[in-house]
């Protein structure tokens, strides 16, 4: 069994508790898991469009990701199936490590 040595940072449960989202710093990805019958199943690994995704927040149909080493917050659309879709904006934020709603 492979150990995750890449540095998982943030873990968030979607609004309806049907999806679980995870950021992994070393691989620069955001992962999406579906939750069915108390089990998680990986359904997507998406590029975070930056370097070192330290934190992220979910706000309805959007995901905002703080990429610490690339000094920006990148926003994405979430589709009805919980998947991370296109990037819609990015803002410069030096060494962003946490986001709050």
PDB file of N, CA and C in Angstrom:
ATOM      1  N   UNK A   1       0.845  -1.177   0.000  1.00  0.00           N
ATOM      2  CA  UNK A   1       0.000   0.000   0.000  1.00  0.00           C
ATOM      3  C   UNK A   1       0.887   1.237   0.000  1.00  0.00           C
ATOM      4  N   UNK A   2       0.642   2.131  -0.947  1.00  0.00           N
ATOM      5  CA  UNK A   2       1.444   3.349  -1.068  1.00  0.00           C
ATOM      6  C   UNK A   2       1.083   4.350   0.011  1.00  0.00           C
ATOM      7  N   UNK A   3       2.097   4.925   0.638  1.00  0.00           N
ATOM      8  CA  UNK A   3       1.879   5.977   1.627  1.00  0.00           C
ATOM      9  C   UNK A   3       1.853   7.318   0.915  1.00  0.00           C
ATOM     10  N   UNK A   4       1.018   8.220   1.409  1.00  0.00           N
ATOM     11  CA  UNK A   4       0.978   9.565   0.835  1.00  0.00           C
ATOM     12  C   UNK A   4       2.073  10.389   1.493  1.00  0.00           C
ATOM     13  N   UNK A   5       3.154  10.557   0.778  1.00  0.00           N
ATOM     14  CA  UNK A   5       4.268  11.356   1.285  1.00  0.00           C
ATOM     15  C   UNK A   5       4.286  12.732   0.624  1.00  0.00           C
ATOM     16  N   UNK A   6       3.237  13.044  -0.078  1.00  0.00           N
ATOM     17  CA  UNK A   6       3.182  14.278  -0.846  1.00  0.00           C
ATOM     18  C   UNK A   6       2.580  15.449  -0.087  1.00  0.00           C
ATOM     19  N   UNK A   7       1.980  15.240   1.074  1.00  0.00           N
ATOM     20  CA  UNK A   7       1.513  16.354   1.883  1.00  0.00           C
ATOM     21  C   UNK A   7       0.082  16.788   1.675  1.00  0.00           C
ATOM     22  N   UNK A   8      -0.855  15.958   2.075  1.00  0.00           N
ATOM     23  CA  UNK A   8      -2.239  16.393   2.062  1.00  0.00           C
ATOM     24  C   UNK A   8      -2.376  17.599   2.970  1.00  0.00           C
ATOM     25  N   UNK A   9      -3.107  18.606   2.517  1.00  0.00           N
ATOM     26  CA  UNK A   9      -3.224  19.839   3.295  1.00  0.00           C
ATOM     27  C   UNK A   9      -4.628  20.029   3.845  1.00  0.00           C
ATOM     28  N   UNK A  10      -5.610  20.246   2.994  1.00  0.00           N
ATOM     29  CA  UNK A  10      -6.972  20.537   3.444  1.00  0.00           C
ATOM     30  C   UNK A  10      -7.922  19.432   3.021  1.00  0.00           C
ATOM     31  N   UNK A  11      -8.904  19.187   3.856  1.00  0.00           N
ATOM     32  CA  UNK A  11      -9.957  18.214   3.567  1.00  0.00           C
ATOM     33  C   UNK A  11     -11.279  18.895   3.875  1.00  0.00           C
ATOM     34  N   UNK A  12     -12.194  18.909   2.902  1.00  0.00           N
ATOM     35  CA  UNK A  12     -13.482  19.587   3.084  1.00  0.00           C
ATOM     36  C   UNK A  12     -14.612  18.686   2.571  1.00  0.00           C
ATOM     37  N   UNK A  13     -15.725  18.741   3.272  1.00  0.00           N
ATOM     38  CA  UNK A  13     -16.924  18.021   2.879  1.00  0.00           C
ATOM     39  C   UNK A  13     -17.838  18.998   2.141  1.00  0.00           C
ATOM     40  N   UNK A  14     -18.354  18.563   0.992  1.00  0.00           N
ATOM     41  CA  UNK A  14     -19.263  19.399   0.215  1.00  0.00           C
ATOM     42  C   UNK A  14     -20.559  19.671   0.965  1.00  0.00           C
ATOM     43  N   UNK A  15     -21.299  20.677   0.514  1.00  0.00           N
ATOM     44  CA  UNK A  15     -22.516  21.139   1.191  1.00  0.00           C
ATOM     45  C   UNK A  15     -23.523  20.035   1.492  1.00  0.00           C
ATOM     46  N   UNK A  16     -23.800  19.195   0.548  1.00  0.00           N
ATOM     47  CA  UNK A  16     -24.798  18.140   0.737  1.00  0.00           C
ATOM     48  C   UNK A  16     -24.167  16.843   1.239  1.00  0.00           C
ATOM     49  N   UNK A  17     -22.896  16.899   1.581  1.00  0.00           N
ATOM     50  CA  UNK A  17     -22.143  15.752   2.102  1.00  0.00           C
ATOM     51  C   UNK A  17     -22.132  14.561   1.142  1.00  0.00           C
ATOM     52  N   UNK A  18     -22.189  14.877  -0.166  1.00  0.00           N
ATOM     53  CA  UNK A  18     -22.097  13.835  -1.182  1.00  0.00           C
ATOM     54  C   UNK A  18     -20.689  13.720  -1.755  1.00  0.00           C
ATOM     55  N   UNK A  19     -19.861  14.762  -1.525  1.00  0.00           N
ATOM     56  CA  UNK A  19     -18.503  14.779  -2.073  1.00  0.00           C
ATOM     57  C   UNK A  19     -17.511  15.236  -1.011  1.00  0.00           C
ATOM     58  N   UNK A  20     -16.319  14.655  -1.070  1.00  0.00           N
ATOM     59  CA  UNK A  20     -15.221  15.028  -0.195  1.00  0.00           C
ATOM     60  C   UNK A  20     -14.099  15.558  -1.074  1.00  0.00           C
ATOM     61  N   UNK A  21     -13.509  16.688  -0.680  1.00  0.00           N
ATOM     62  CA  UNK A  21     -12.462  17.347  -1.462  1.00  0.00           C
ATOM     63  C   UNK A  21     -11.175  17.372  -0.643  1.00  0.00           C
ATOM     64  N   UNK A  22     -10.041  17.131  -1.326  1.00  0.00           N
ATOM     65  CA  UNK A  22      -8.745  17.055  -0.655  1.00  0.00           C
ATOM     66  C   UNK A  22      -7.701  17.768  -1.507  1.00  0.00           C
ATOM     67  N   UNK A  23      -6.850  18.580  -0.866  1.00  0.00           N
ATOM     68  CA  UNK A  23      -5.721  19.184  -1.590  1.00  0.00           C
ATOM     69  C   UNK A  23      -4.447  18.436  -1.225  1.00  0.00           C
ATOM     70  N   UNK A  24      -3.577  18.241  -2.217  1.00  0.00           N
ATOM     71  CA  UNK A  24      -2.299  17.559  -1.999  1.00  0.00           C
ATOM     72  C   UNK A  24      -1.190  18.456  -2.536  1.00  0.00           C
ATOM     73  N   UNK A  25      -0.377  18.958  -1.605  1.00  0.00           N
ATOM     74  CA  UNK A  25       0.637  19.971  -1.923  1.00  0.00           C
ATOM     75  C   UNK A  25       1.714  19.479  -2.885  1.00  0.00           C
ATOM     76  N   UNK A  26       2.357  18.369  -2.593  1.00  0.00           N
ATOM     77  CA  UNK A  26       3.481  17.896  -3.401  1.00  0.00           C
ATOM     78  C   UNK A  26       3.124  17.548  -4.832  1.00  0.00           C
ATOM     79  N   UNK A  27       1.878  17.143  -5.059  1.00  0.00           N
ATOM     80  CA  UNK A  27       1.444  16.784  -6.413  1.00  0.00           C
ATOM     81  C   UNK A  27       0.663  17.910  -7.086  1.00  0.00           C
ATOM     82  N   UNK A  28       0.375  18.985  -6.333  1.00  0.00           N
ATOM     83  CA  UNK A  28      -0.376  20.131  -6.872  1.00  0.00           C
ATOM     84  C   UNK A  28      -1.716  19.720  -7.470  1.00  0.00           C
ATOM     85  N   UNK A  29      -2.459  18.911  -6.685  1.00  0.00           N
ATOM     86  CA  UNK A  29      -3.763  18.456  -7.159  1.00  0.00           C
ATOM     87  C   UNK A  29      -4.848  18.698  -6.119  1.00  0.00           C
ATOM     88  N   UNK A  30      -6.065  18.749  -6.633  1.00  0.00           N
ATOM     89  CA  UNK A  30      -7.283  18.750  -5.827  1.00  0.00           C
ATOM     90  C   UNK A  30      -8.021  17.473  -6.195  1.00  0.00           C
ATOM     91  N   UNK A  31      -8.341  16.659  -5.205  1.00  0.00           N
ATOM     92  CA  UNK A  31      -9.016  15.386  -5.459  1.00  0.00           C
ATOM     93  C   UNK A  31     -10.460  15.467  -4.996  1.00  0.00           C
ATOM     94  N   UNK A  32     -11.326  14.774  -5.732  1.00  0.00           N
ATOM     95  CA  UNK A  32     -12.741  14.719  -5.395  1.00  0.00           C
ATOM     96  C   UNK A  32     -13.122  13.254  -5.210  1.00  0.00           C
ATOM     97  N   UNK A  33     -13.812  12.979  -4.101  1.00  0.00           N
ATOM     98  CA  UNK A  33     -14.310  11.645  -3.796  1.00  0.00           C
ATOM     99  C   UNK A  33     -15.822  11.715  -3.687  1.00  0.00           C
ATOM    100  N   UNK A  34     -16.512  10.740  -4.265  1.00  0.00           N
ATOM    101  CA  UNK A  34     -17.957  10.653  -4.043  1.00  0.00           C
ATOM    102  C   UNK A  34     -18.159   9.837  -2.773  1.00  0.00           C
ATOM    103  N   UNK A  35     -19.221  10.167  -2.055  1.00  0.00           N
ATOM    104  CA  UNK A  35     -19.551   9.440  -0.829  1.00  0.00           C
ATOM    105  C   UNK A  35     -20.884   8.738  -1.051  1.00  0.00           C
ATOM    106  N   UNK A  36     -20.834   7.415  -1.023  1.00  0.00           N
ATOM    107  CA  UNK A  36     -22.040   6.602  -1.213  1.00  0.00           C
ATOM    108  C   UNK A  36     -21.986   5.441  -0.251  1.00  0.00           C
ATOM    109  N   UNK A  37     -23.062   5.220   0.479  1.00  0.00           N
ATOM    110  CA  UNK A  37     -23.144   4.116   1.444  1.00  0.00           C
ATOM    111  C   UNK A  37     -21.965   4.115   2.411  1.00  0.00           C
ATOM    112  N   UNK A  38     -21.619   5.312   2.910  1.00  0.00           N
ATOM    113  CA  UNK A  38     -20.514   5.484   3.869  1.00  0.00           C
ATOM    114  C   UNK A  38     -19.160   5.051   3.326  1.00  0.00           C
ATOM    115  N   UNK A  39     -19.007   5.075   2.010  1.00  0.00           N
ATOM    116  CA  UNK A  39     -17.726   4.757   1.372  1.00  0.00           C
ATOM    117  C   UNK A  39     -17.322   5.891   0.445  1.00  0.00           C
ATOM    118  N   UNK A  40     -16.020   6.137   0.367  1.00  0.00           N
ATOM    119  CA  UNK A  40     -15.495   7.163  -0.536  1.00  0.00           C
ATOM    120  C   UNK A  40     -14.890   6.507  -1.765  1.00  0.00           C
ATOM    121  N   UNK A  41     -15.143   7.106  -2.912  1.00  0.00           N
ATOM    122  CA  UNK A  41     -14.581   6.609  -4.171  1.00  0.00           C
ATOM    123  C   UNK A  41     -13.995   7.798  -4.920  1.00  0.00           C
ATOM    124  N   UNK A  42     -12.716   7.694  -5.286  1.00  0.00           N
ATOM    125  CA  UNK A  42     -12.058   8.758  -6.037  1.00  0.00           C
ATOM    126  C   UNK A  42     -12.711   8.908  -7.401  1.00  0.00           C
ATOM    127  N   UNK A  43     -13.152  10.150  -7.715  1.00  0.00           N
ATOM    128  CA  UNK A  43     -13.761  10.389  -9.024  1.00  0.00           C
ATOM    129  C   UNK A  43     -12.989  11.412  -9.850  1.00  0.00           C
ATOM    130  N   UNK A  44     -12.051  12.150  -9.210  1.00  0.00           N
ATOM    131  CA  UNK A  44     -11.286  13.136  -9.981  1.00  0.00           C
ATOM    132  C   UNK A  44     -10.022  13.551  -9.246  1.00  0.00           C
ATOM    133  N   UNK A  45      -8.941  13.702 -10.003  1.00  0.00           N
ATOM    134  CA  UNK A  45      -7.736  14.408  -9.576  1.00  0.00           C
ATOM    135  C   UNK A  45      -7.579  15.561 -10.555  1.00  0.00           C
ATOM    136  N   UNK A  46      -7.686  16.792 -10.054  1.00  0.00           N
ATOM    137  CA  UNK A  46      -7.610  17.970 -10.911  1.00  0.00           C
ATOM    138  C   UNK A  46      -6.382  18.795 -10.558  1.00  0.00           C
ATOM    139  N   UNK A  47      -5.744  19.349 -11.567  1.00  0.00           N
ATOM    140  CA  UNK A  47      -4.619  20.254 -11.356  1.00  0.00           C
ATOM    141  C   UNK A  47      -5.116  21.492 -10.619  1.00  0.00           C
ATOM    142  N   UNK A  48      -4.347  21.970  -9.637  1.00  0.00           N
ATOM    143  CA  UNK A  48      -4.767  23.145  -8.857  1.00  0.00           C
ATOM    144  C   UNK A  48      -4.424  24.464  -9.551  1.00  0.00           C
ATOM    145  N   UNK A  49      -3.762  24.385 -10.703  1.00  0.00           N
ATOM    146  CA  UNK A  49      -3.367  25.554 -11.500  1.00  0.00           C
ATOM    147  C   UNK A  49      -2.438  26.485 -10.728  1.00  0.00           C
ATOM    148  N   UNK A  50      -1.596  25.890  -9.897  1.00  0.00           N
ATOM    149  CA  UNK A  50      -0.624  26.656  -9.132  1.00  0.00           C
ATOM    150  C   UNK A  50       0.357  25.714  -8.457  1.00  0.00           C
ATOM    151  N   UNK A  51       1.069  26.237  -7.469  1.00  0.00           N
ATOM    152  CA  UNK A  51       2.085  25.465  -6.764  1.00  0.00           C
ATOM    153  C   UNK A  51       1.811  25.466  -5.268  1.00  0.00           C
ATOM    154  N   UNK A  52       1.639  24.263  -4.710  1.00  0.00           N
ATOM    155  CA  UNK A  52       1.477  24.043  -3.270  1.00  0.00           C
ATOM    156  C   UNK A  52       0.089  24.486  -2.781  1.00  0.00           C
ATOM    157  N   UNK A  53      -0.976  23.735  -3.159  1.00  0.00           N
ATOM    158  CA  UNK A  53      -2.334  24.090  -2.731  1.00  0.00           C
ATOM    159  C   UNK A  53      -2.510  23.870  -1.231  1.00  0.00           C
ATOM    160  N   UNK A  54      -2.341  24.918  -0.472  1.00  0.00           N
ATOM    161  CA  UNK A  54      -2.313  24.821   0.986  1.00  0.00           C
ATOM    162  C   UNK A  54      -3.718  24.720   1.588  1.00  0.00           C
ATOM    163  N   UNK A  55      -4.655  25.493   1.066  1.00  0.00           N
ATOM    164  CA  UNK A  55      -6.020  25.490   1.600  1.00  0.00           C
ATOM    165  C   UNK A  55      -6.990  25.758   0.459  1.00  0.00           C
ATOM    166  N   UNK A  56      -8.258  25.442   0.694  1.00  0.00           N
ATOM    167  CA  UNK A  56      -9.303  25.782  -0.269  1.00  0.00           C
ATOM    168  C   UNK A  56     -10.616  25.886   0.481  1.00  0.00           C
ATOM    169  N   UNK A  57     -11.564  26.576  -0.120  1.00  0.00           N
ATOM    170  CA  UNK A  57     -12.909  26.659   0.432  1.00  0.00           C
ATOM    171  C   UNK A  57     -13.917  26.362  -0.672  1.00  0.00           C
ATOM    172  N   UNK A  58     -15.071  25.881  -0.250  1.00  0.00           N
ATOM    173  CA  UNK A  58     -16.177  25.591  -1.145  1.00  0.00           C
ATOM    174  C   UNK A  58     -17.273  26.607  -0.859  1.00  0.00           C
ATOM    175  N   UNK A  59     -17.827  27.171  -1.922  1.00  0.00           N
ATOM    176  CA  UNK A  59     -18.906  28.144  -1.782  1.00  0.00           C
ATOM    177  C   UNK A  59     -19.925  27.873  -2.883  1.00  0.00           C
ATOM    178  N   UNK A  60     -20.886  27.033  -2.579  1.00  0.00           N
ATOM    179  CA  UNK A  60     -21.912  26.685  -3.564  1.00  0.00           C
ATOM    180  C   UNK A  60     -21.325  25.989  -4.770  1.00  0.00           C
ATOM    181  N   UNK A  61     -21.366  26.657  -5.916  1.00  0.00           N
ATOM    182  CA  UNK A  61     -20.876  26.082  -7.169  1.00  0.00           C
ATOM    183  C   UNK A  61     -19.424  26.429  -7.449  1.00  0.00           C
ATOM    184  N   UNK A  62     -18.694  26.912  -6.435  1.00  0.00           N
ATOM    185  CA  UNK A  62     -17.317  27.359  -6.645  1.00  0.00           C
ATOM    186  C   UNK A  62     -16.354  26.764  -5.623  1.00  0.00           C
ATOM    187  N   UNK A  63     -15.112  26.594  -6.063  1.00  0.00           N
ATOM    188  CA  UNK A  63     -14.019  26.187  -5.194  1.00  0.00           C
ATOM    189  C   UNK A  63     -12.914  27.221  -5.356  1.00  0.00           C
ATOM    190  N   UNK A  64     -12.409  27.736  -4.240  1.00  0.00           N
ATOM    191  CA  UNK A  64     -11.332  28.728  -4.239  1.00  0.00           C
ATOM    192  C   UNK A  64     -10.121  28.080  -3.598  1.00  0.00           C
ATOM    193  N   UNK A  65      -9.003  28.028  -4.322  1.00  0.00           N
ATOM    194  CA  UNK A  65      -7.801  27.331  -3.872  1.00  0.00           C
ATOM    195  C   UNK A  65      -6.644  28.305  -3.649  1.00  0.00           C
ATOM    196  N   UNK A  66      -6.065  28.259  -2.446  1.00  0.00           N
ATOM    197  CA  UNK A  66      -4.902  29.090  -2.108  1.00  0.00           C
ATOM    198  C   UNK A  66      -3.631  28.308  -2.424  1.00  0.00           C
ATOM    199  N   UNK A  67      -2.927  28.727  -3.464  1.00  0.00           N
ATOM    200  CA  UNK A  67      -1.664  28.105  -3.868  1.00  0.00           C
ATOM    201  C   UNK A  67      -0.514  28.921  -3.286  1.00  0.00           C
ATOM    202  N   UNK A  68       0.068  28.398  -2.220  1.00  0.00           N
ATOM    203  CA  UNK A  68       1.039  29.153  -1.437  1.00  0.00           C
ATOM    204  C   UNK A  68       2.268  29.607  -2.221  1.00  0.00           C
ATOM    205  N   UNK A  69       2.952  28.671  -2.893  1.00  0.00           N
ATOM    206  CA  UNK A  69       4.225  29.015  -3.531  1.00  0.00           C
ATOM    207  C   UNK A  69       4.068  29.776  -4.840  1.00  0.00           C
ATOM    208  N   UNK A  70       2.905  29.709  -5.479  1.00  0.00           N
ATOM    209  CA  UNK A  70       2.684  30.522  -6.687  1.00  0.00           C
ATOM    210  C   UNK A  70       1.964  31.823  -6.348  1.00  0.00           C
ATOM    211  N   UNK A  71       1.714  32.043  -5.058  1.00  0.00           N
ATOM    212  CA  UNK A  71       1.207  33.333  -4.557  1.00  0.00           C
ATOM    213  C   UNK A  71      -0.103  33.778  -5.204  1.00  0.00           C
ATOM    214  N   UNK A  72      -1.084  32.862  -5.227  1.00  0.00           N
ATOM    215  CA  UNK A  72      -2.365  33.241  -5.806  1.00  0.00           C
ATOM    216  C   UNK A  72      -3.502  32.371  -5.292  1.00  0.00           C
ATOM    217  N   UNK A  73      -4.693  32.920  -5.399  1.00  0.00           N
ATOM    218  CA  UNK A  73      -5.908  32.166  -5.139  1.00  0.00           C
ATOM    219  C   UNK A  73      -6.590  31.967  -6.486  1.00  0.00           C
ATOM    220  N   UNK A  74      -6.872  30.711  -6.808  1.00  0.00           N
ATOM    221  CA  UNK A  74      -7.479  30.363  -8.089  1.00  0.00           C
ATOM    222  C   UNK A  74      -8.906  29.867  -7.817  1.00  0.00           C
ATOM    223  N   UNK A  75      -9.870  30.347  -8.605  1.00  0.00           N
ATOM    224  CA  UNK A  75     -11.260  29.917  -8.431  1.00  0.00           C
ATOM    225  C   UNK A  75     -11.695  29.040  -9.602  1.00  0.00           C
ATOM    226  N   UNK A  76     -12.487  28.030  -9.251  1.00  0.00           N
ATOM    227  CA  UNK A  76     -12.978  27.041 -10.204  1.00  0.00           C
ATOM    228  C   UNK A  76     -14.489  26.899 -10.065  1.00  0.00           C
ATOM    229  N   UNK A  77     -15.130  26.481 -11.146  1.00  0.00           N
ATOM    230  CA  UNK A  77     -16.544  26.127 -11.131  1.00  0.00           C
ATOM    231  C   UNK A  77     -16.649  24.659 -10.733  1.00  0.00           C
ATOM    232  N   UNK A  78     -17.654  24.330  -9.912  1.00  0.00           N
ATOM    233  CA  UNK A  78     -17.986  22.938  -9.596  1.00  0.00           C
ATOM    234  C   UNK A  78     -19.248  22.580 -10.365  1.00  0.00           C
ATOM    235  N   UNK A  79     -19.260  21.408 -10.994  1.00  0.00           N
ATOM    236  CA  UNK A  79     -20.471  21.028 -11.723  1.00  0.00           C
ATOM    237  C   UNK A  79     -21.443  20.293 -10.800  1.00  0.00           C
ATOM    238  N   UNK A  80     -22.595  19.925 -11.332  1.00  0.00           N
ATOM    239  CA  UNK A  80     -23.643  19.286 -10.534  1.00  0.00           C
ATOM    240  C   UNK A  80     -23.234  17.909 -10.000  1.00  0.00           C
ATOM    241  N   UNK A  81     -22.186  17.327 -10.567  1.00  0.00           N
ATOM    242  CA  UNK A  81     -21.681  16.032 -10.111  1.00  0.00           C
ATOM    243  C   UNK A  81     -20.502  16.178  -9.154  1.00  0.00           C
ATOM    244  N   UNK A  82     -20.264  17.404  -8.666  1.00  0.00           N
ATOM    245  CA  UNK A  82     -19.200  17.642  -7.708  1.00  0.00           C
ATOM    246  C   UNK A  82     -17.817  17.792  -8.308  1.00  0.00           C
ATOM    247  N   UNK A  83     -17.699  17.664  -9.632  1.00  0.00           N
ATOM    248  CA  UNK A  83     -16.391  17.728 -10.290  1.00  0.00           C
ATOM    249  C   UNK A  83     -15.899  19.164 -10.427  1.00  0.00           C
ATOM    250  N   UNK A  84     -14.584  19.312 -10.381  1.00  0.00           N
ATOM    251  CA  UNK A  84     -13.942  20.607 -10.564  1.00  0.00           C
ATOM    252  C   UNK A  84     -13.819  20.858 -12.058  1.00  0.00           C
ATOM    253  N   UNK A  85     -14.388  21.950 -12.514  1.00  0.00           N
ATOM    254  CA  UNK A  85     -14.375  22.285 -13.932  1.00  0.00           C
ATOM    255  C   UNK A  85     -13.391  23.415 -14.200  1.00  0.00           C
ATOM    256  N   UNK A  86     -13.728  24.311 -15.112  1.00  0.00           N
ATOM    257  CA  UNK A  86     -12.789  25.324 -15.591  1.00  0.00           C
ATOM    258  C   UNK A  86     -12.426  26.346 -14.516  1.00  0.00           C
ATOM    259  N   UNK A  87     -11.211  26.844 -14.670  1.00  0.00           N
ATOM    260  CA  UNK A  87     -10.763  27.973 -13.860  1.00  0.00           C
ATOM    261  C   UNK A  87     -11.512  29.207 -14.339  1.00  0.00           C
ATOM    262  N   UNK A  88     -11.984  30.023 -13.398  1.00  0.00           N
ATOM    263  CA  UNK A  88     -12.705  31.226 -13.811  1.00  0.00           C
ATOM    264  C   UNK A  88     -12.011  32.513 -13.407  1.00  0.00           C
ATOM    265  N   UNK A  89     -11.066  32.439 -12.450  1.00  0.00           N
ATOM    266  CA  UNK A  89     -10.377  33.657 -12.039  1.00  0.00           C
ATOM    267  C   UNK A  89      -9.167  33.281 -11.196  1.00  0.00           C
ATOM    268  N   UNK A  90      -8.252  34.228 -11.062  1.00  0.00           N
ATOM    269  CA  UNK A  90      -7.114  34.079 -10.147  1.00  0.00           C
ATOM    270  C   UNK A  90      -6.711  35.451  -9.657  1.00  0.00           C
ATOM    271  N   UNK A  91      -6.330  35.493  -8.395  1.00  0.00           N
ATOM    272  CA  UNK A  91      -5.917  36.742  -7.764  1.00  0.00           C
ATOM    273  C   UNK A  91      -4.586  36.533  -7.067  1.00  0.00           C
ATOM    274  N   UNK A  92      -3.736  37.514  -7.148  1.00  0.00           N
ATOM    275  CA  UNK A  92      -2.433  37.439  -6.488  1.00  0.00           C
ATOM    276  C   UNK A  92      -2.608  37.629  -4.975  1.00  0.00           C
ATOM    277  N   UNK A  93      -2.114  36.675  -4.213  1.00  0.00           N
ATOM    278  CA  UNK A  93      -2.154  36.717  -2.753  1.00  0.00           C
ATOM    279  C   UNK A  93      -0.847  36.115  -2.262  1.00  0.00           C
ATOM    280  N   UNK A  94       0.089  36.924  -1.800  1.00  0.00           N
ATOM    281  CA  UNK A  94       1.396  36.413  -1.381  1.00  0.00           C
ATOM    282  C   UNK A  94       1.298  35.369  -0.266  1.00  0.00           C
ATOM    283  N   UNK A  95       1.882  34.195  -0.529  1.00  0.00           N
ATOM    284  CA  UNK A  95       1.970  33.080   0.418  1.00  0.00           C
ATOM    285  C   UNK A  95       0.667  32.755   1.123  1.00  0.00           C
ATOM    286  N   UNK A  96      -0.410  32.657   0.363  1.00  0.00           N
ATOM    287  CA  UNK A  96      -1.721  32.323   0.947  1.00  0.00           C
ATOM    288  C   UNK A  96      -1.674  30.941   1.580  1.00  0.00           C
ATOM    289  N   UNK A  97      -2.061  30.865   2.849  1.00  0.00           N
ATOM    290  CA  UNK A  97      -2.045  29.576   3.558  1.00  0.00           C
ATOM    291  C   UNK A  97      -3.402  29.204   4.129  1.00  0.00           C
ATOM    292  N   UNK A  98      -4.346  30.131   4.189  1.00  0.00           N
ATOM    293  CA  UNK A  98      -5.665  29.830   4.712  1.00  0.00           C
ATOM    294  C   UNK A  98      -6.705  30.726   4.061  1.00  0.00           C
ATOM    295  N   UNK A  99      -7.916  30.179   3.904  1.00  0.00           N
ATOM    296  CA  UNK A  99      -9.036  30.928   3.346  1.00  0.00           C
ATOM    297  C   UNK A  99     -10.226  30.805   4.268  1.00  0.00           C
ATOM    298  N   UNK A 100     -10.995  31.873   4.397  1.00  0.00           N
ATOM    299  CA  UNK A 100     -12.208  31.872   5.209  1.00  0.00           C
ATOM    300  C   UNK A 100     -13.364  32.422   4.393  1.00  0.00           C
ATOM    301  N   UNK A 101     -14.552  31.926   4.655  1.00  0.00           N
ATOM    302  CA  UNK A 101     -15.752  32.463   4.014  1.00  0.00           C
ATOM    303  C   UNK A 101     -16.330  33.576   4.868  1.00  0.00           C
TER     304      UNK A 101
END
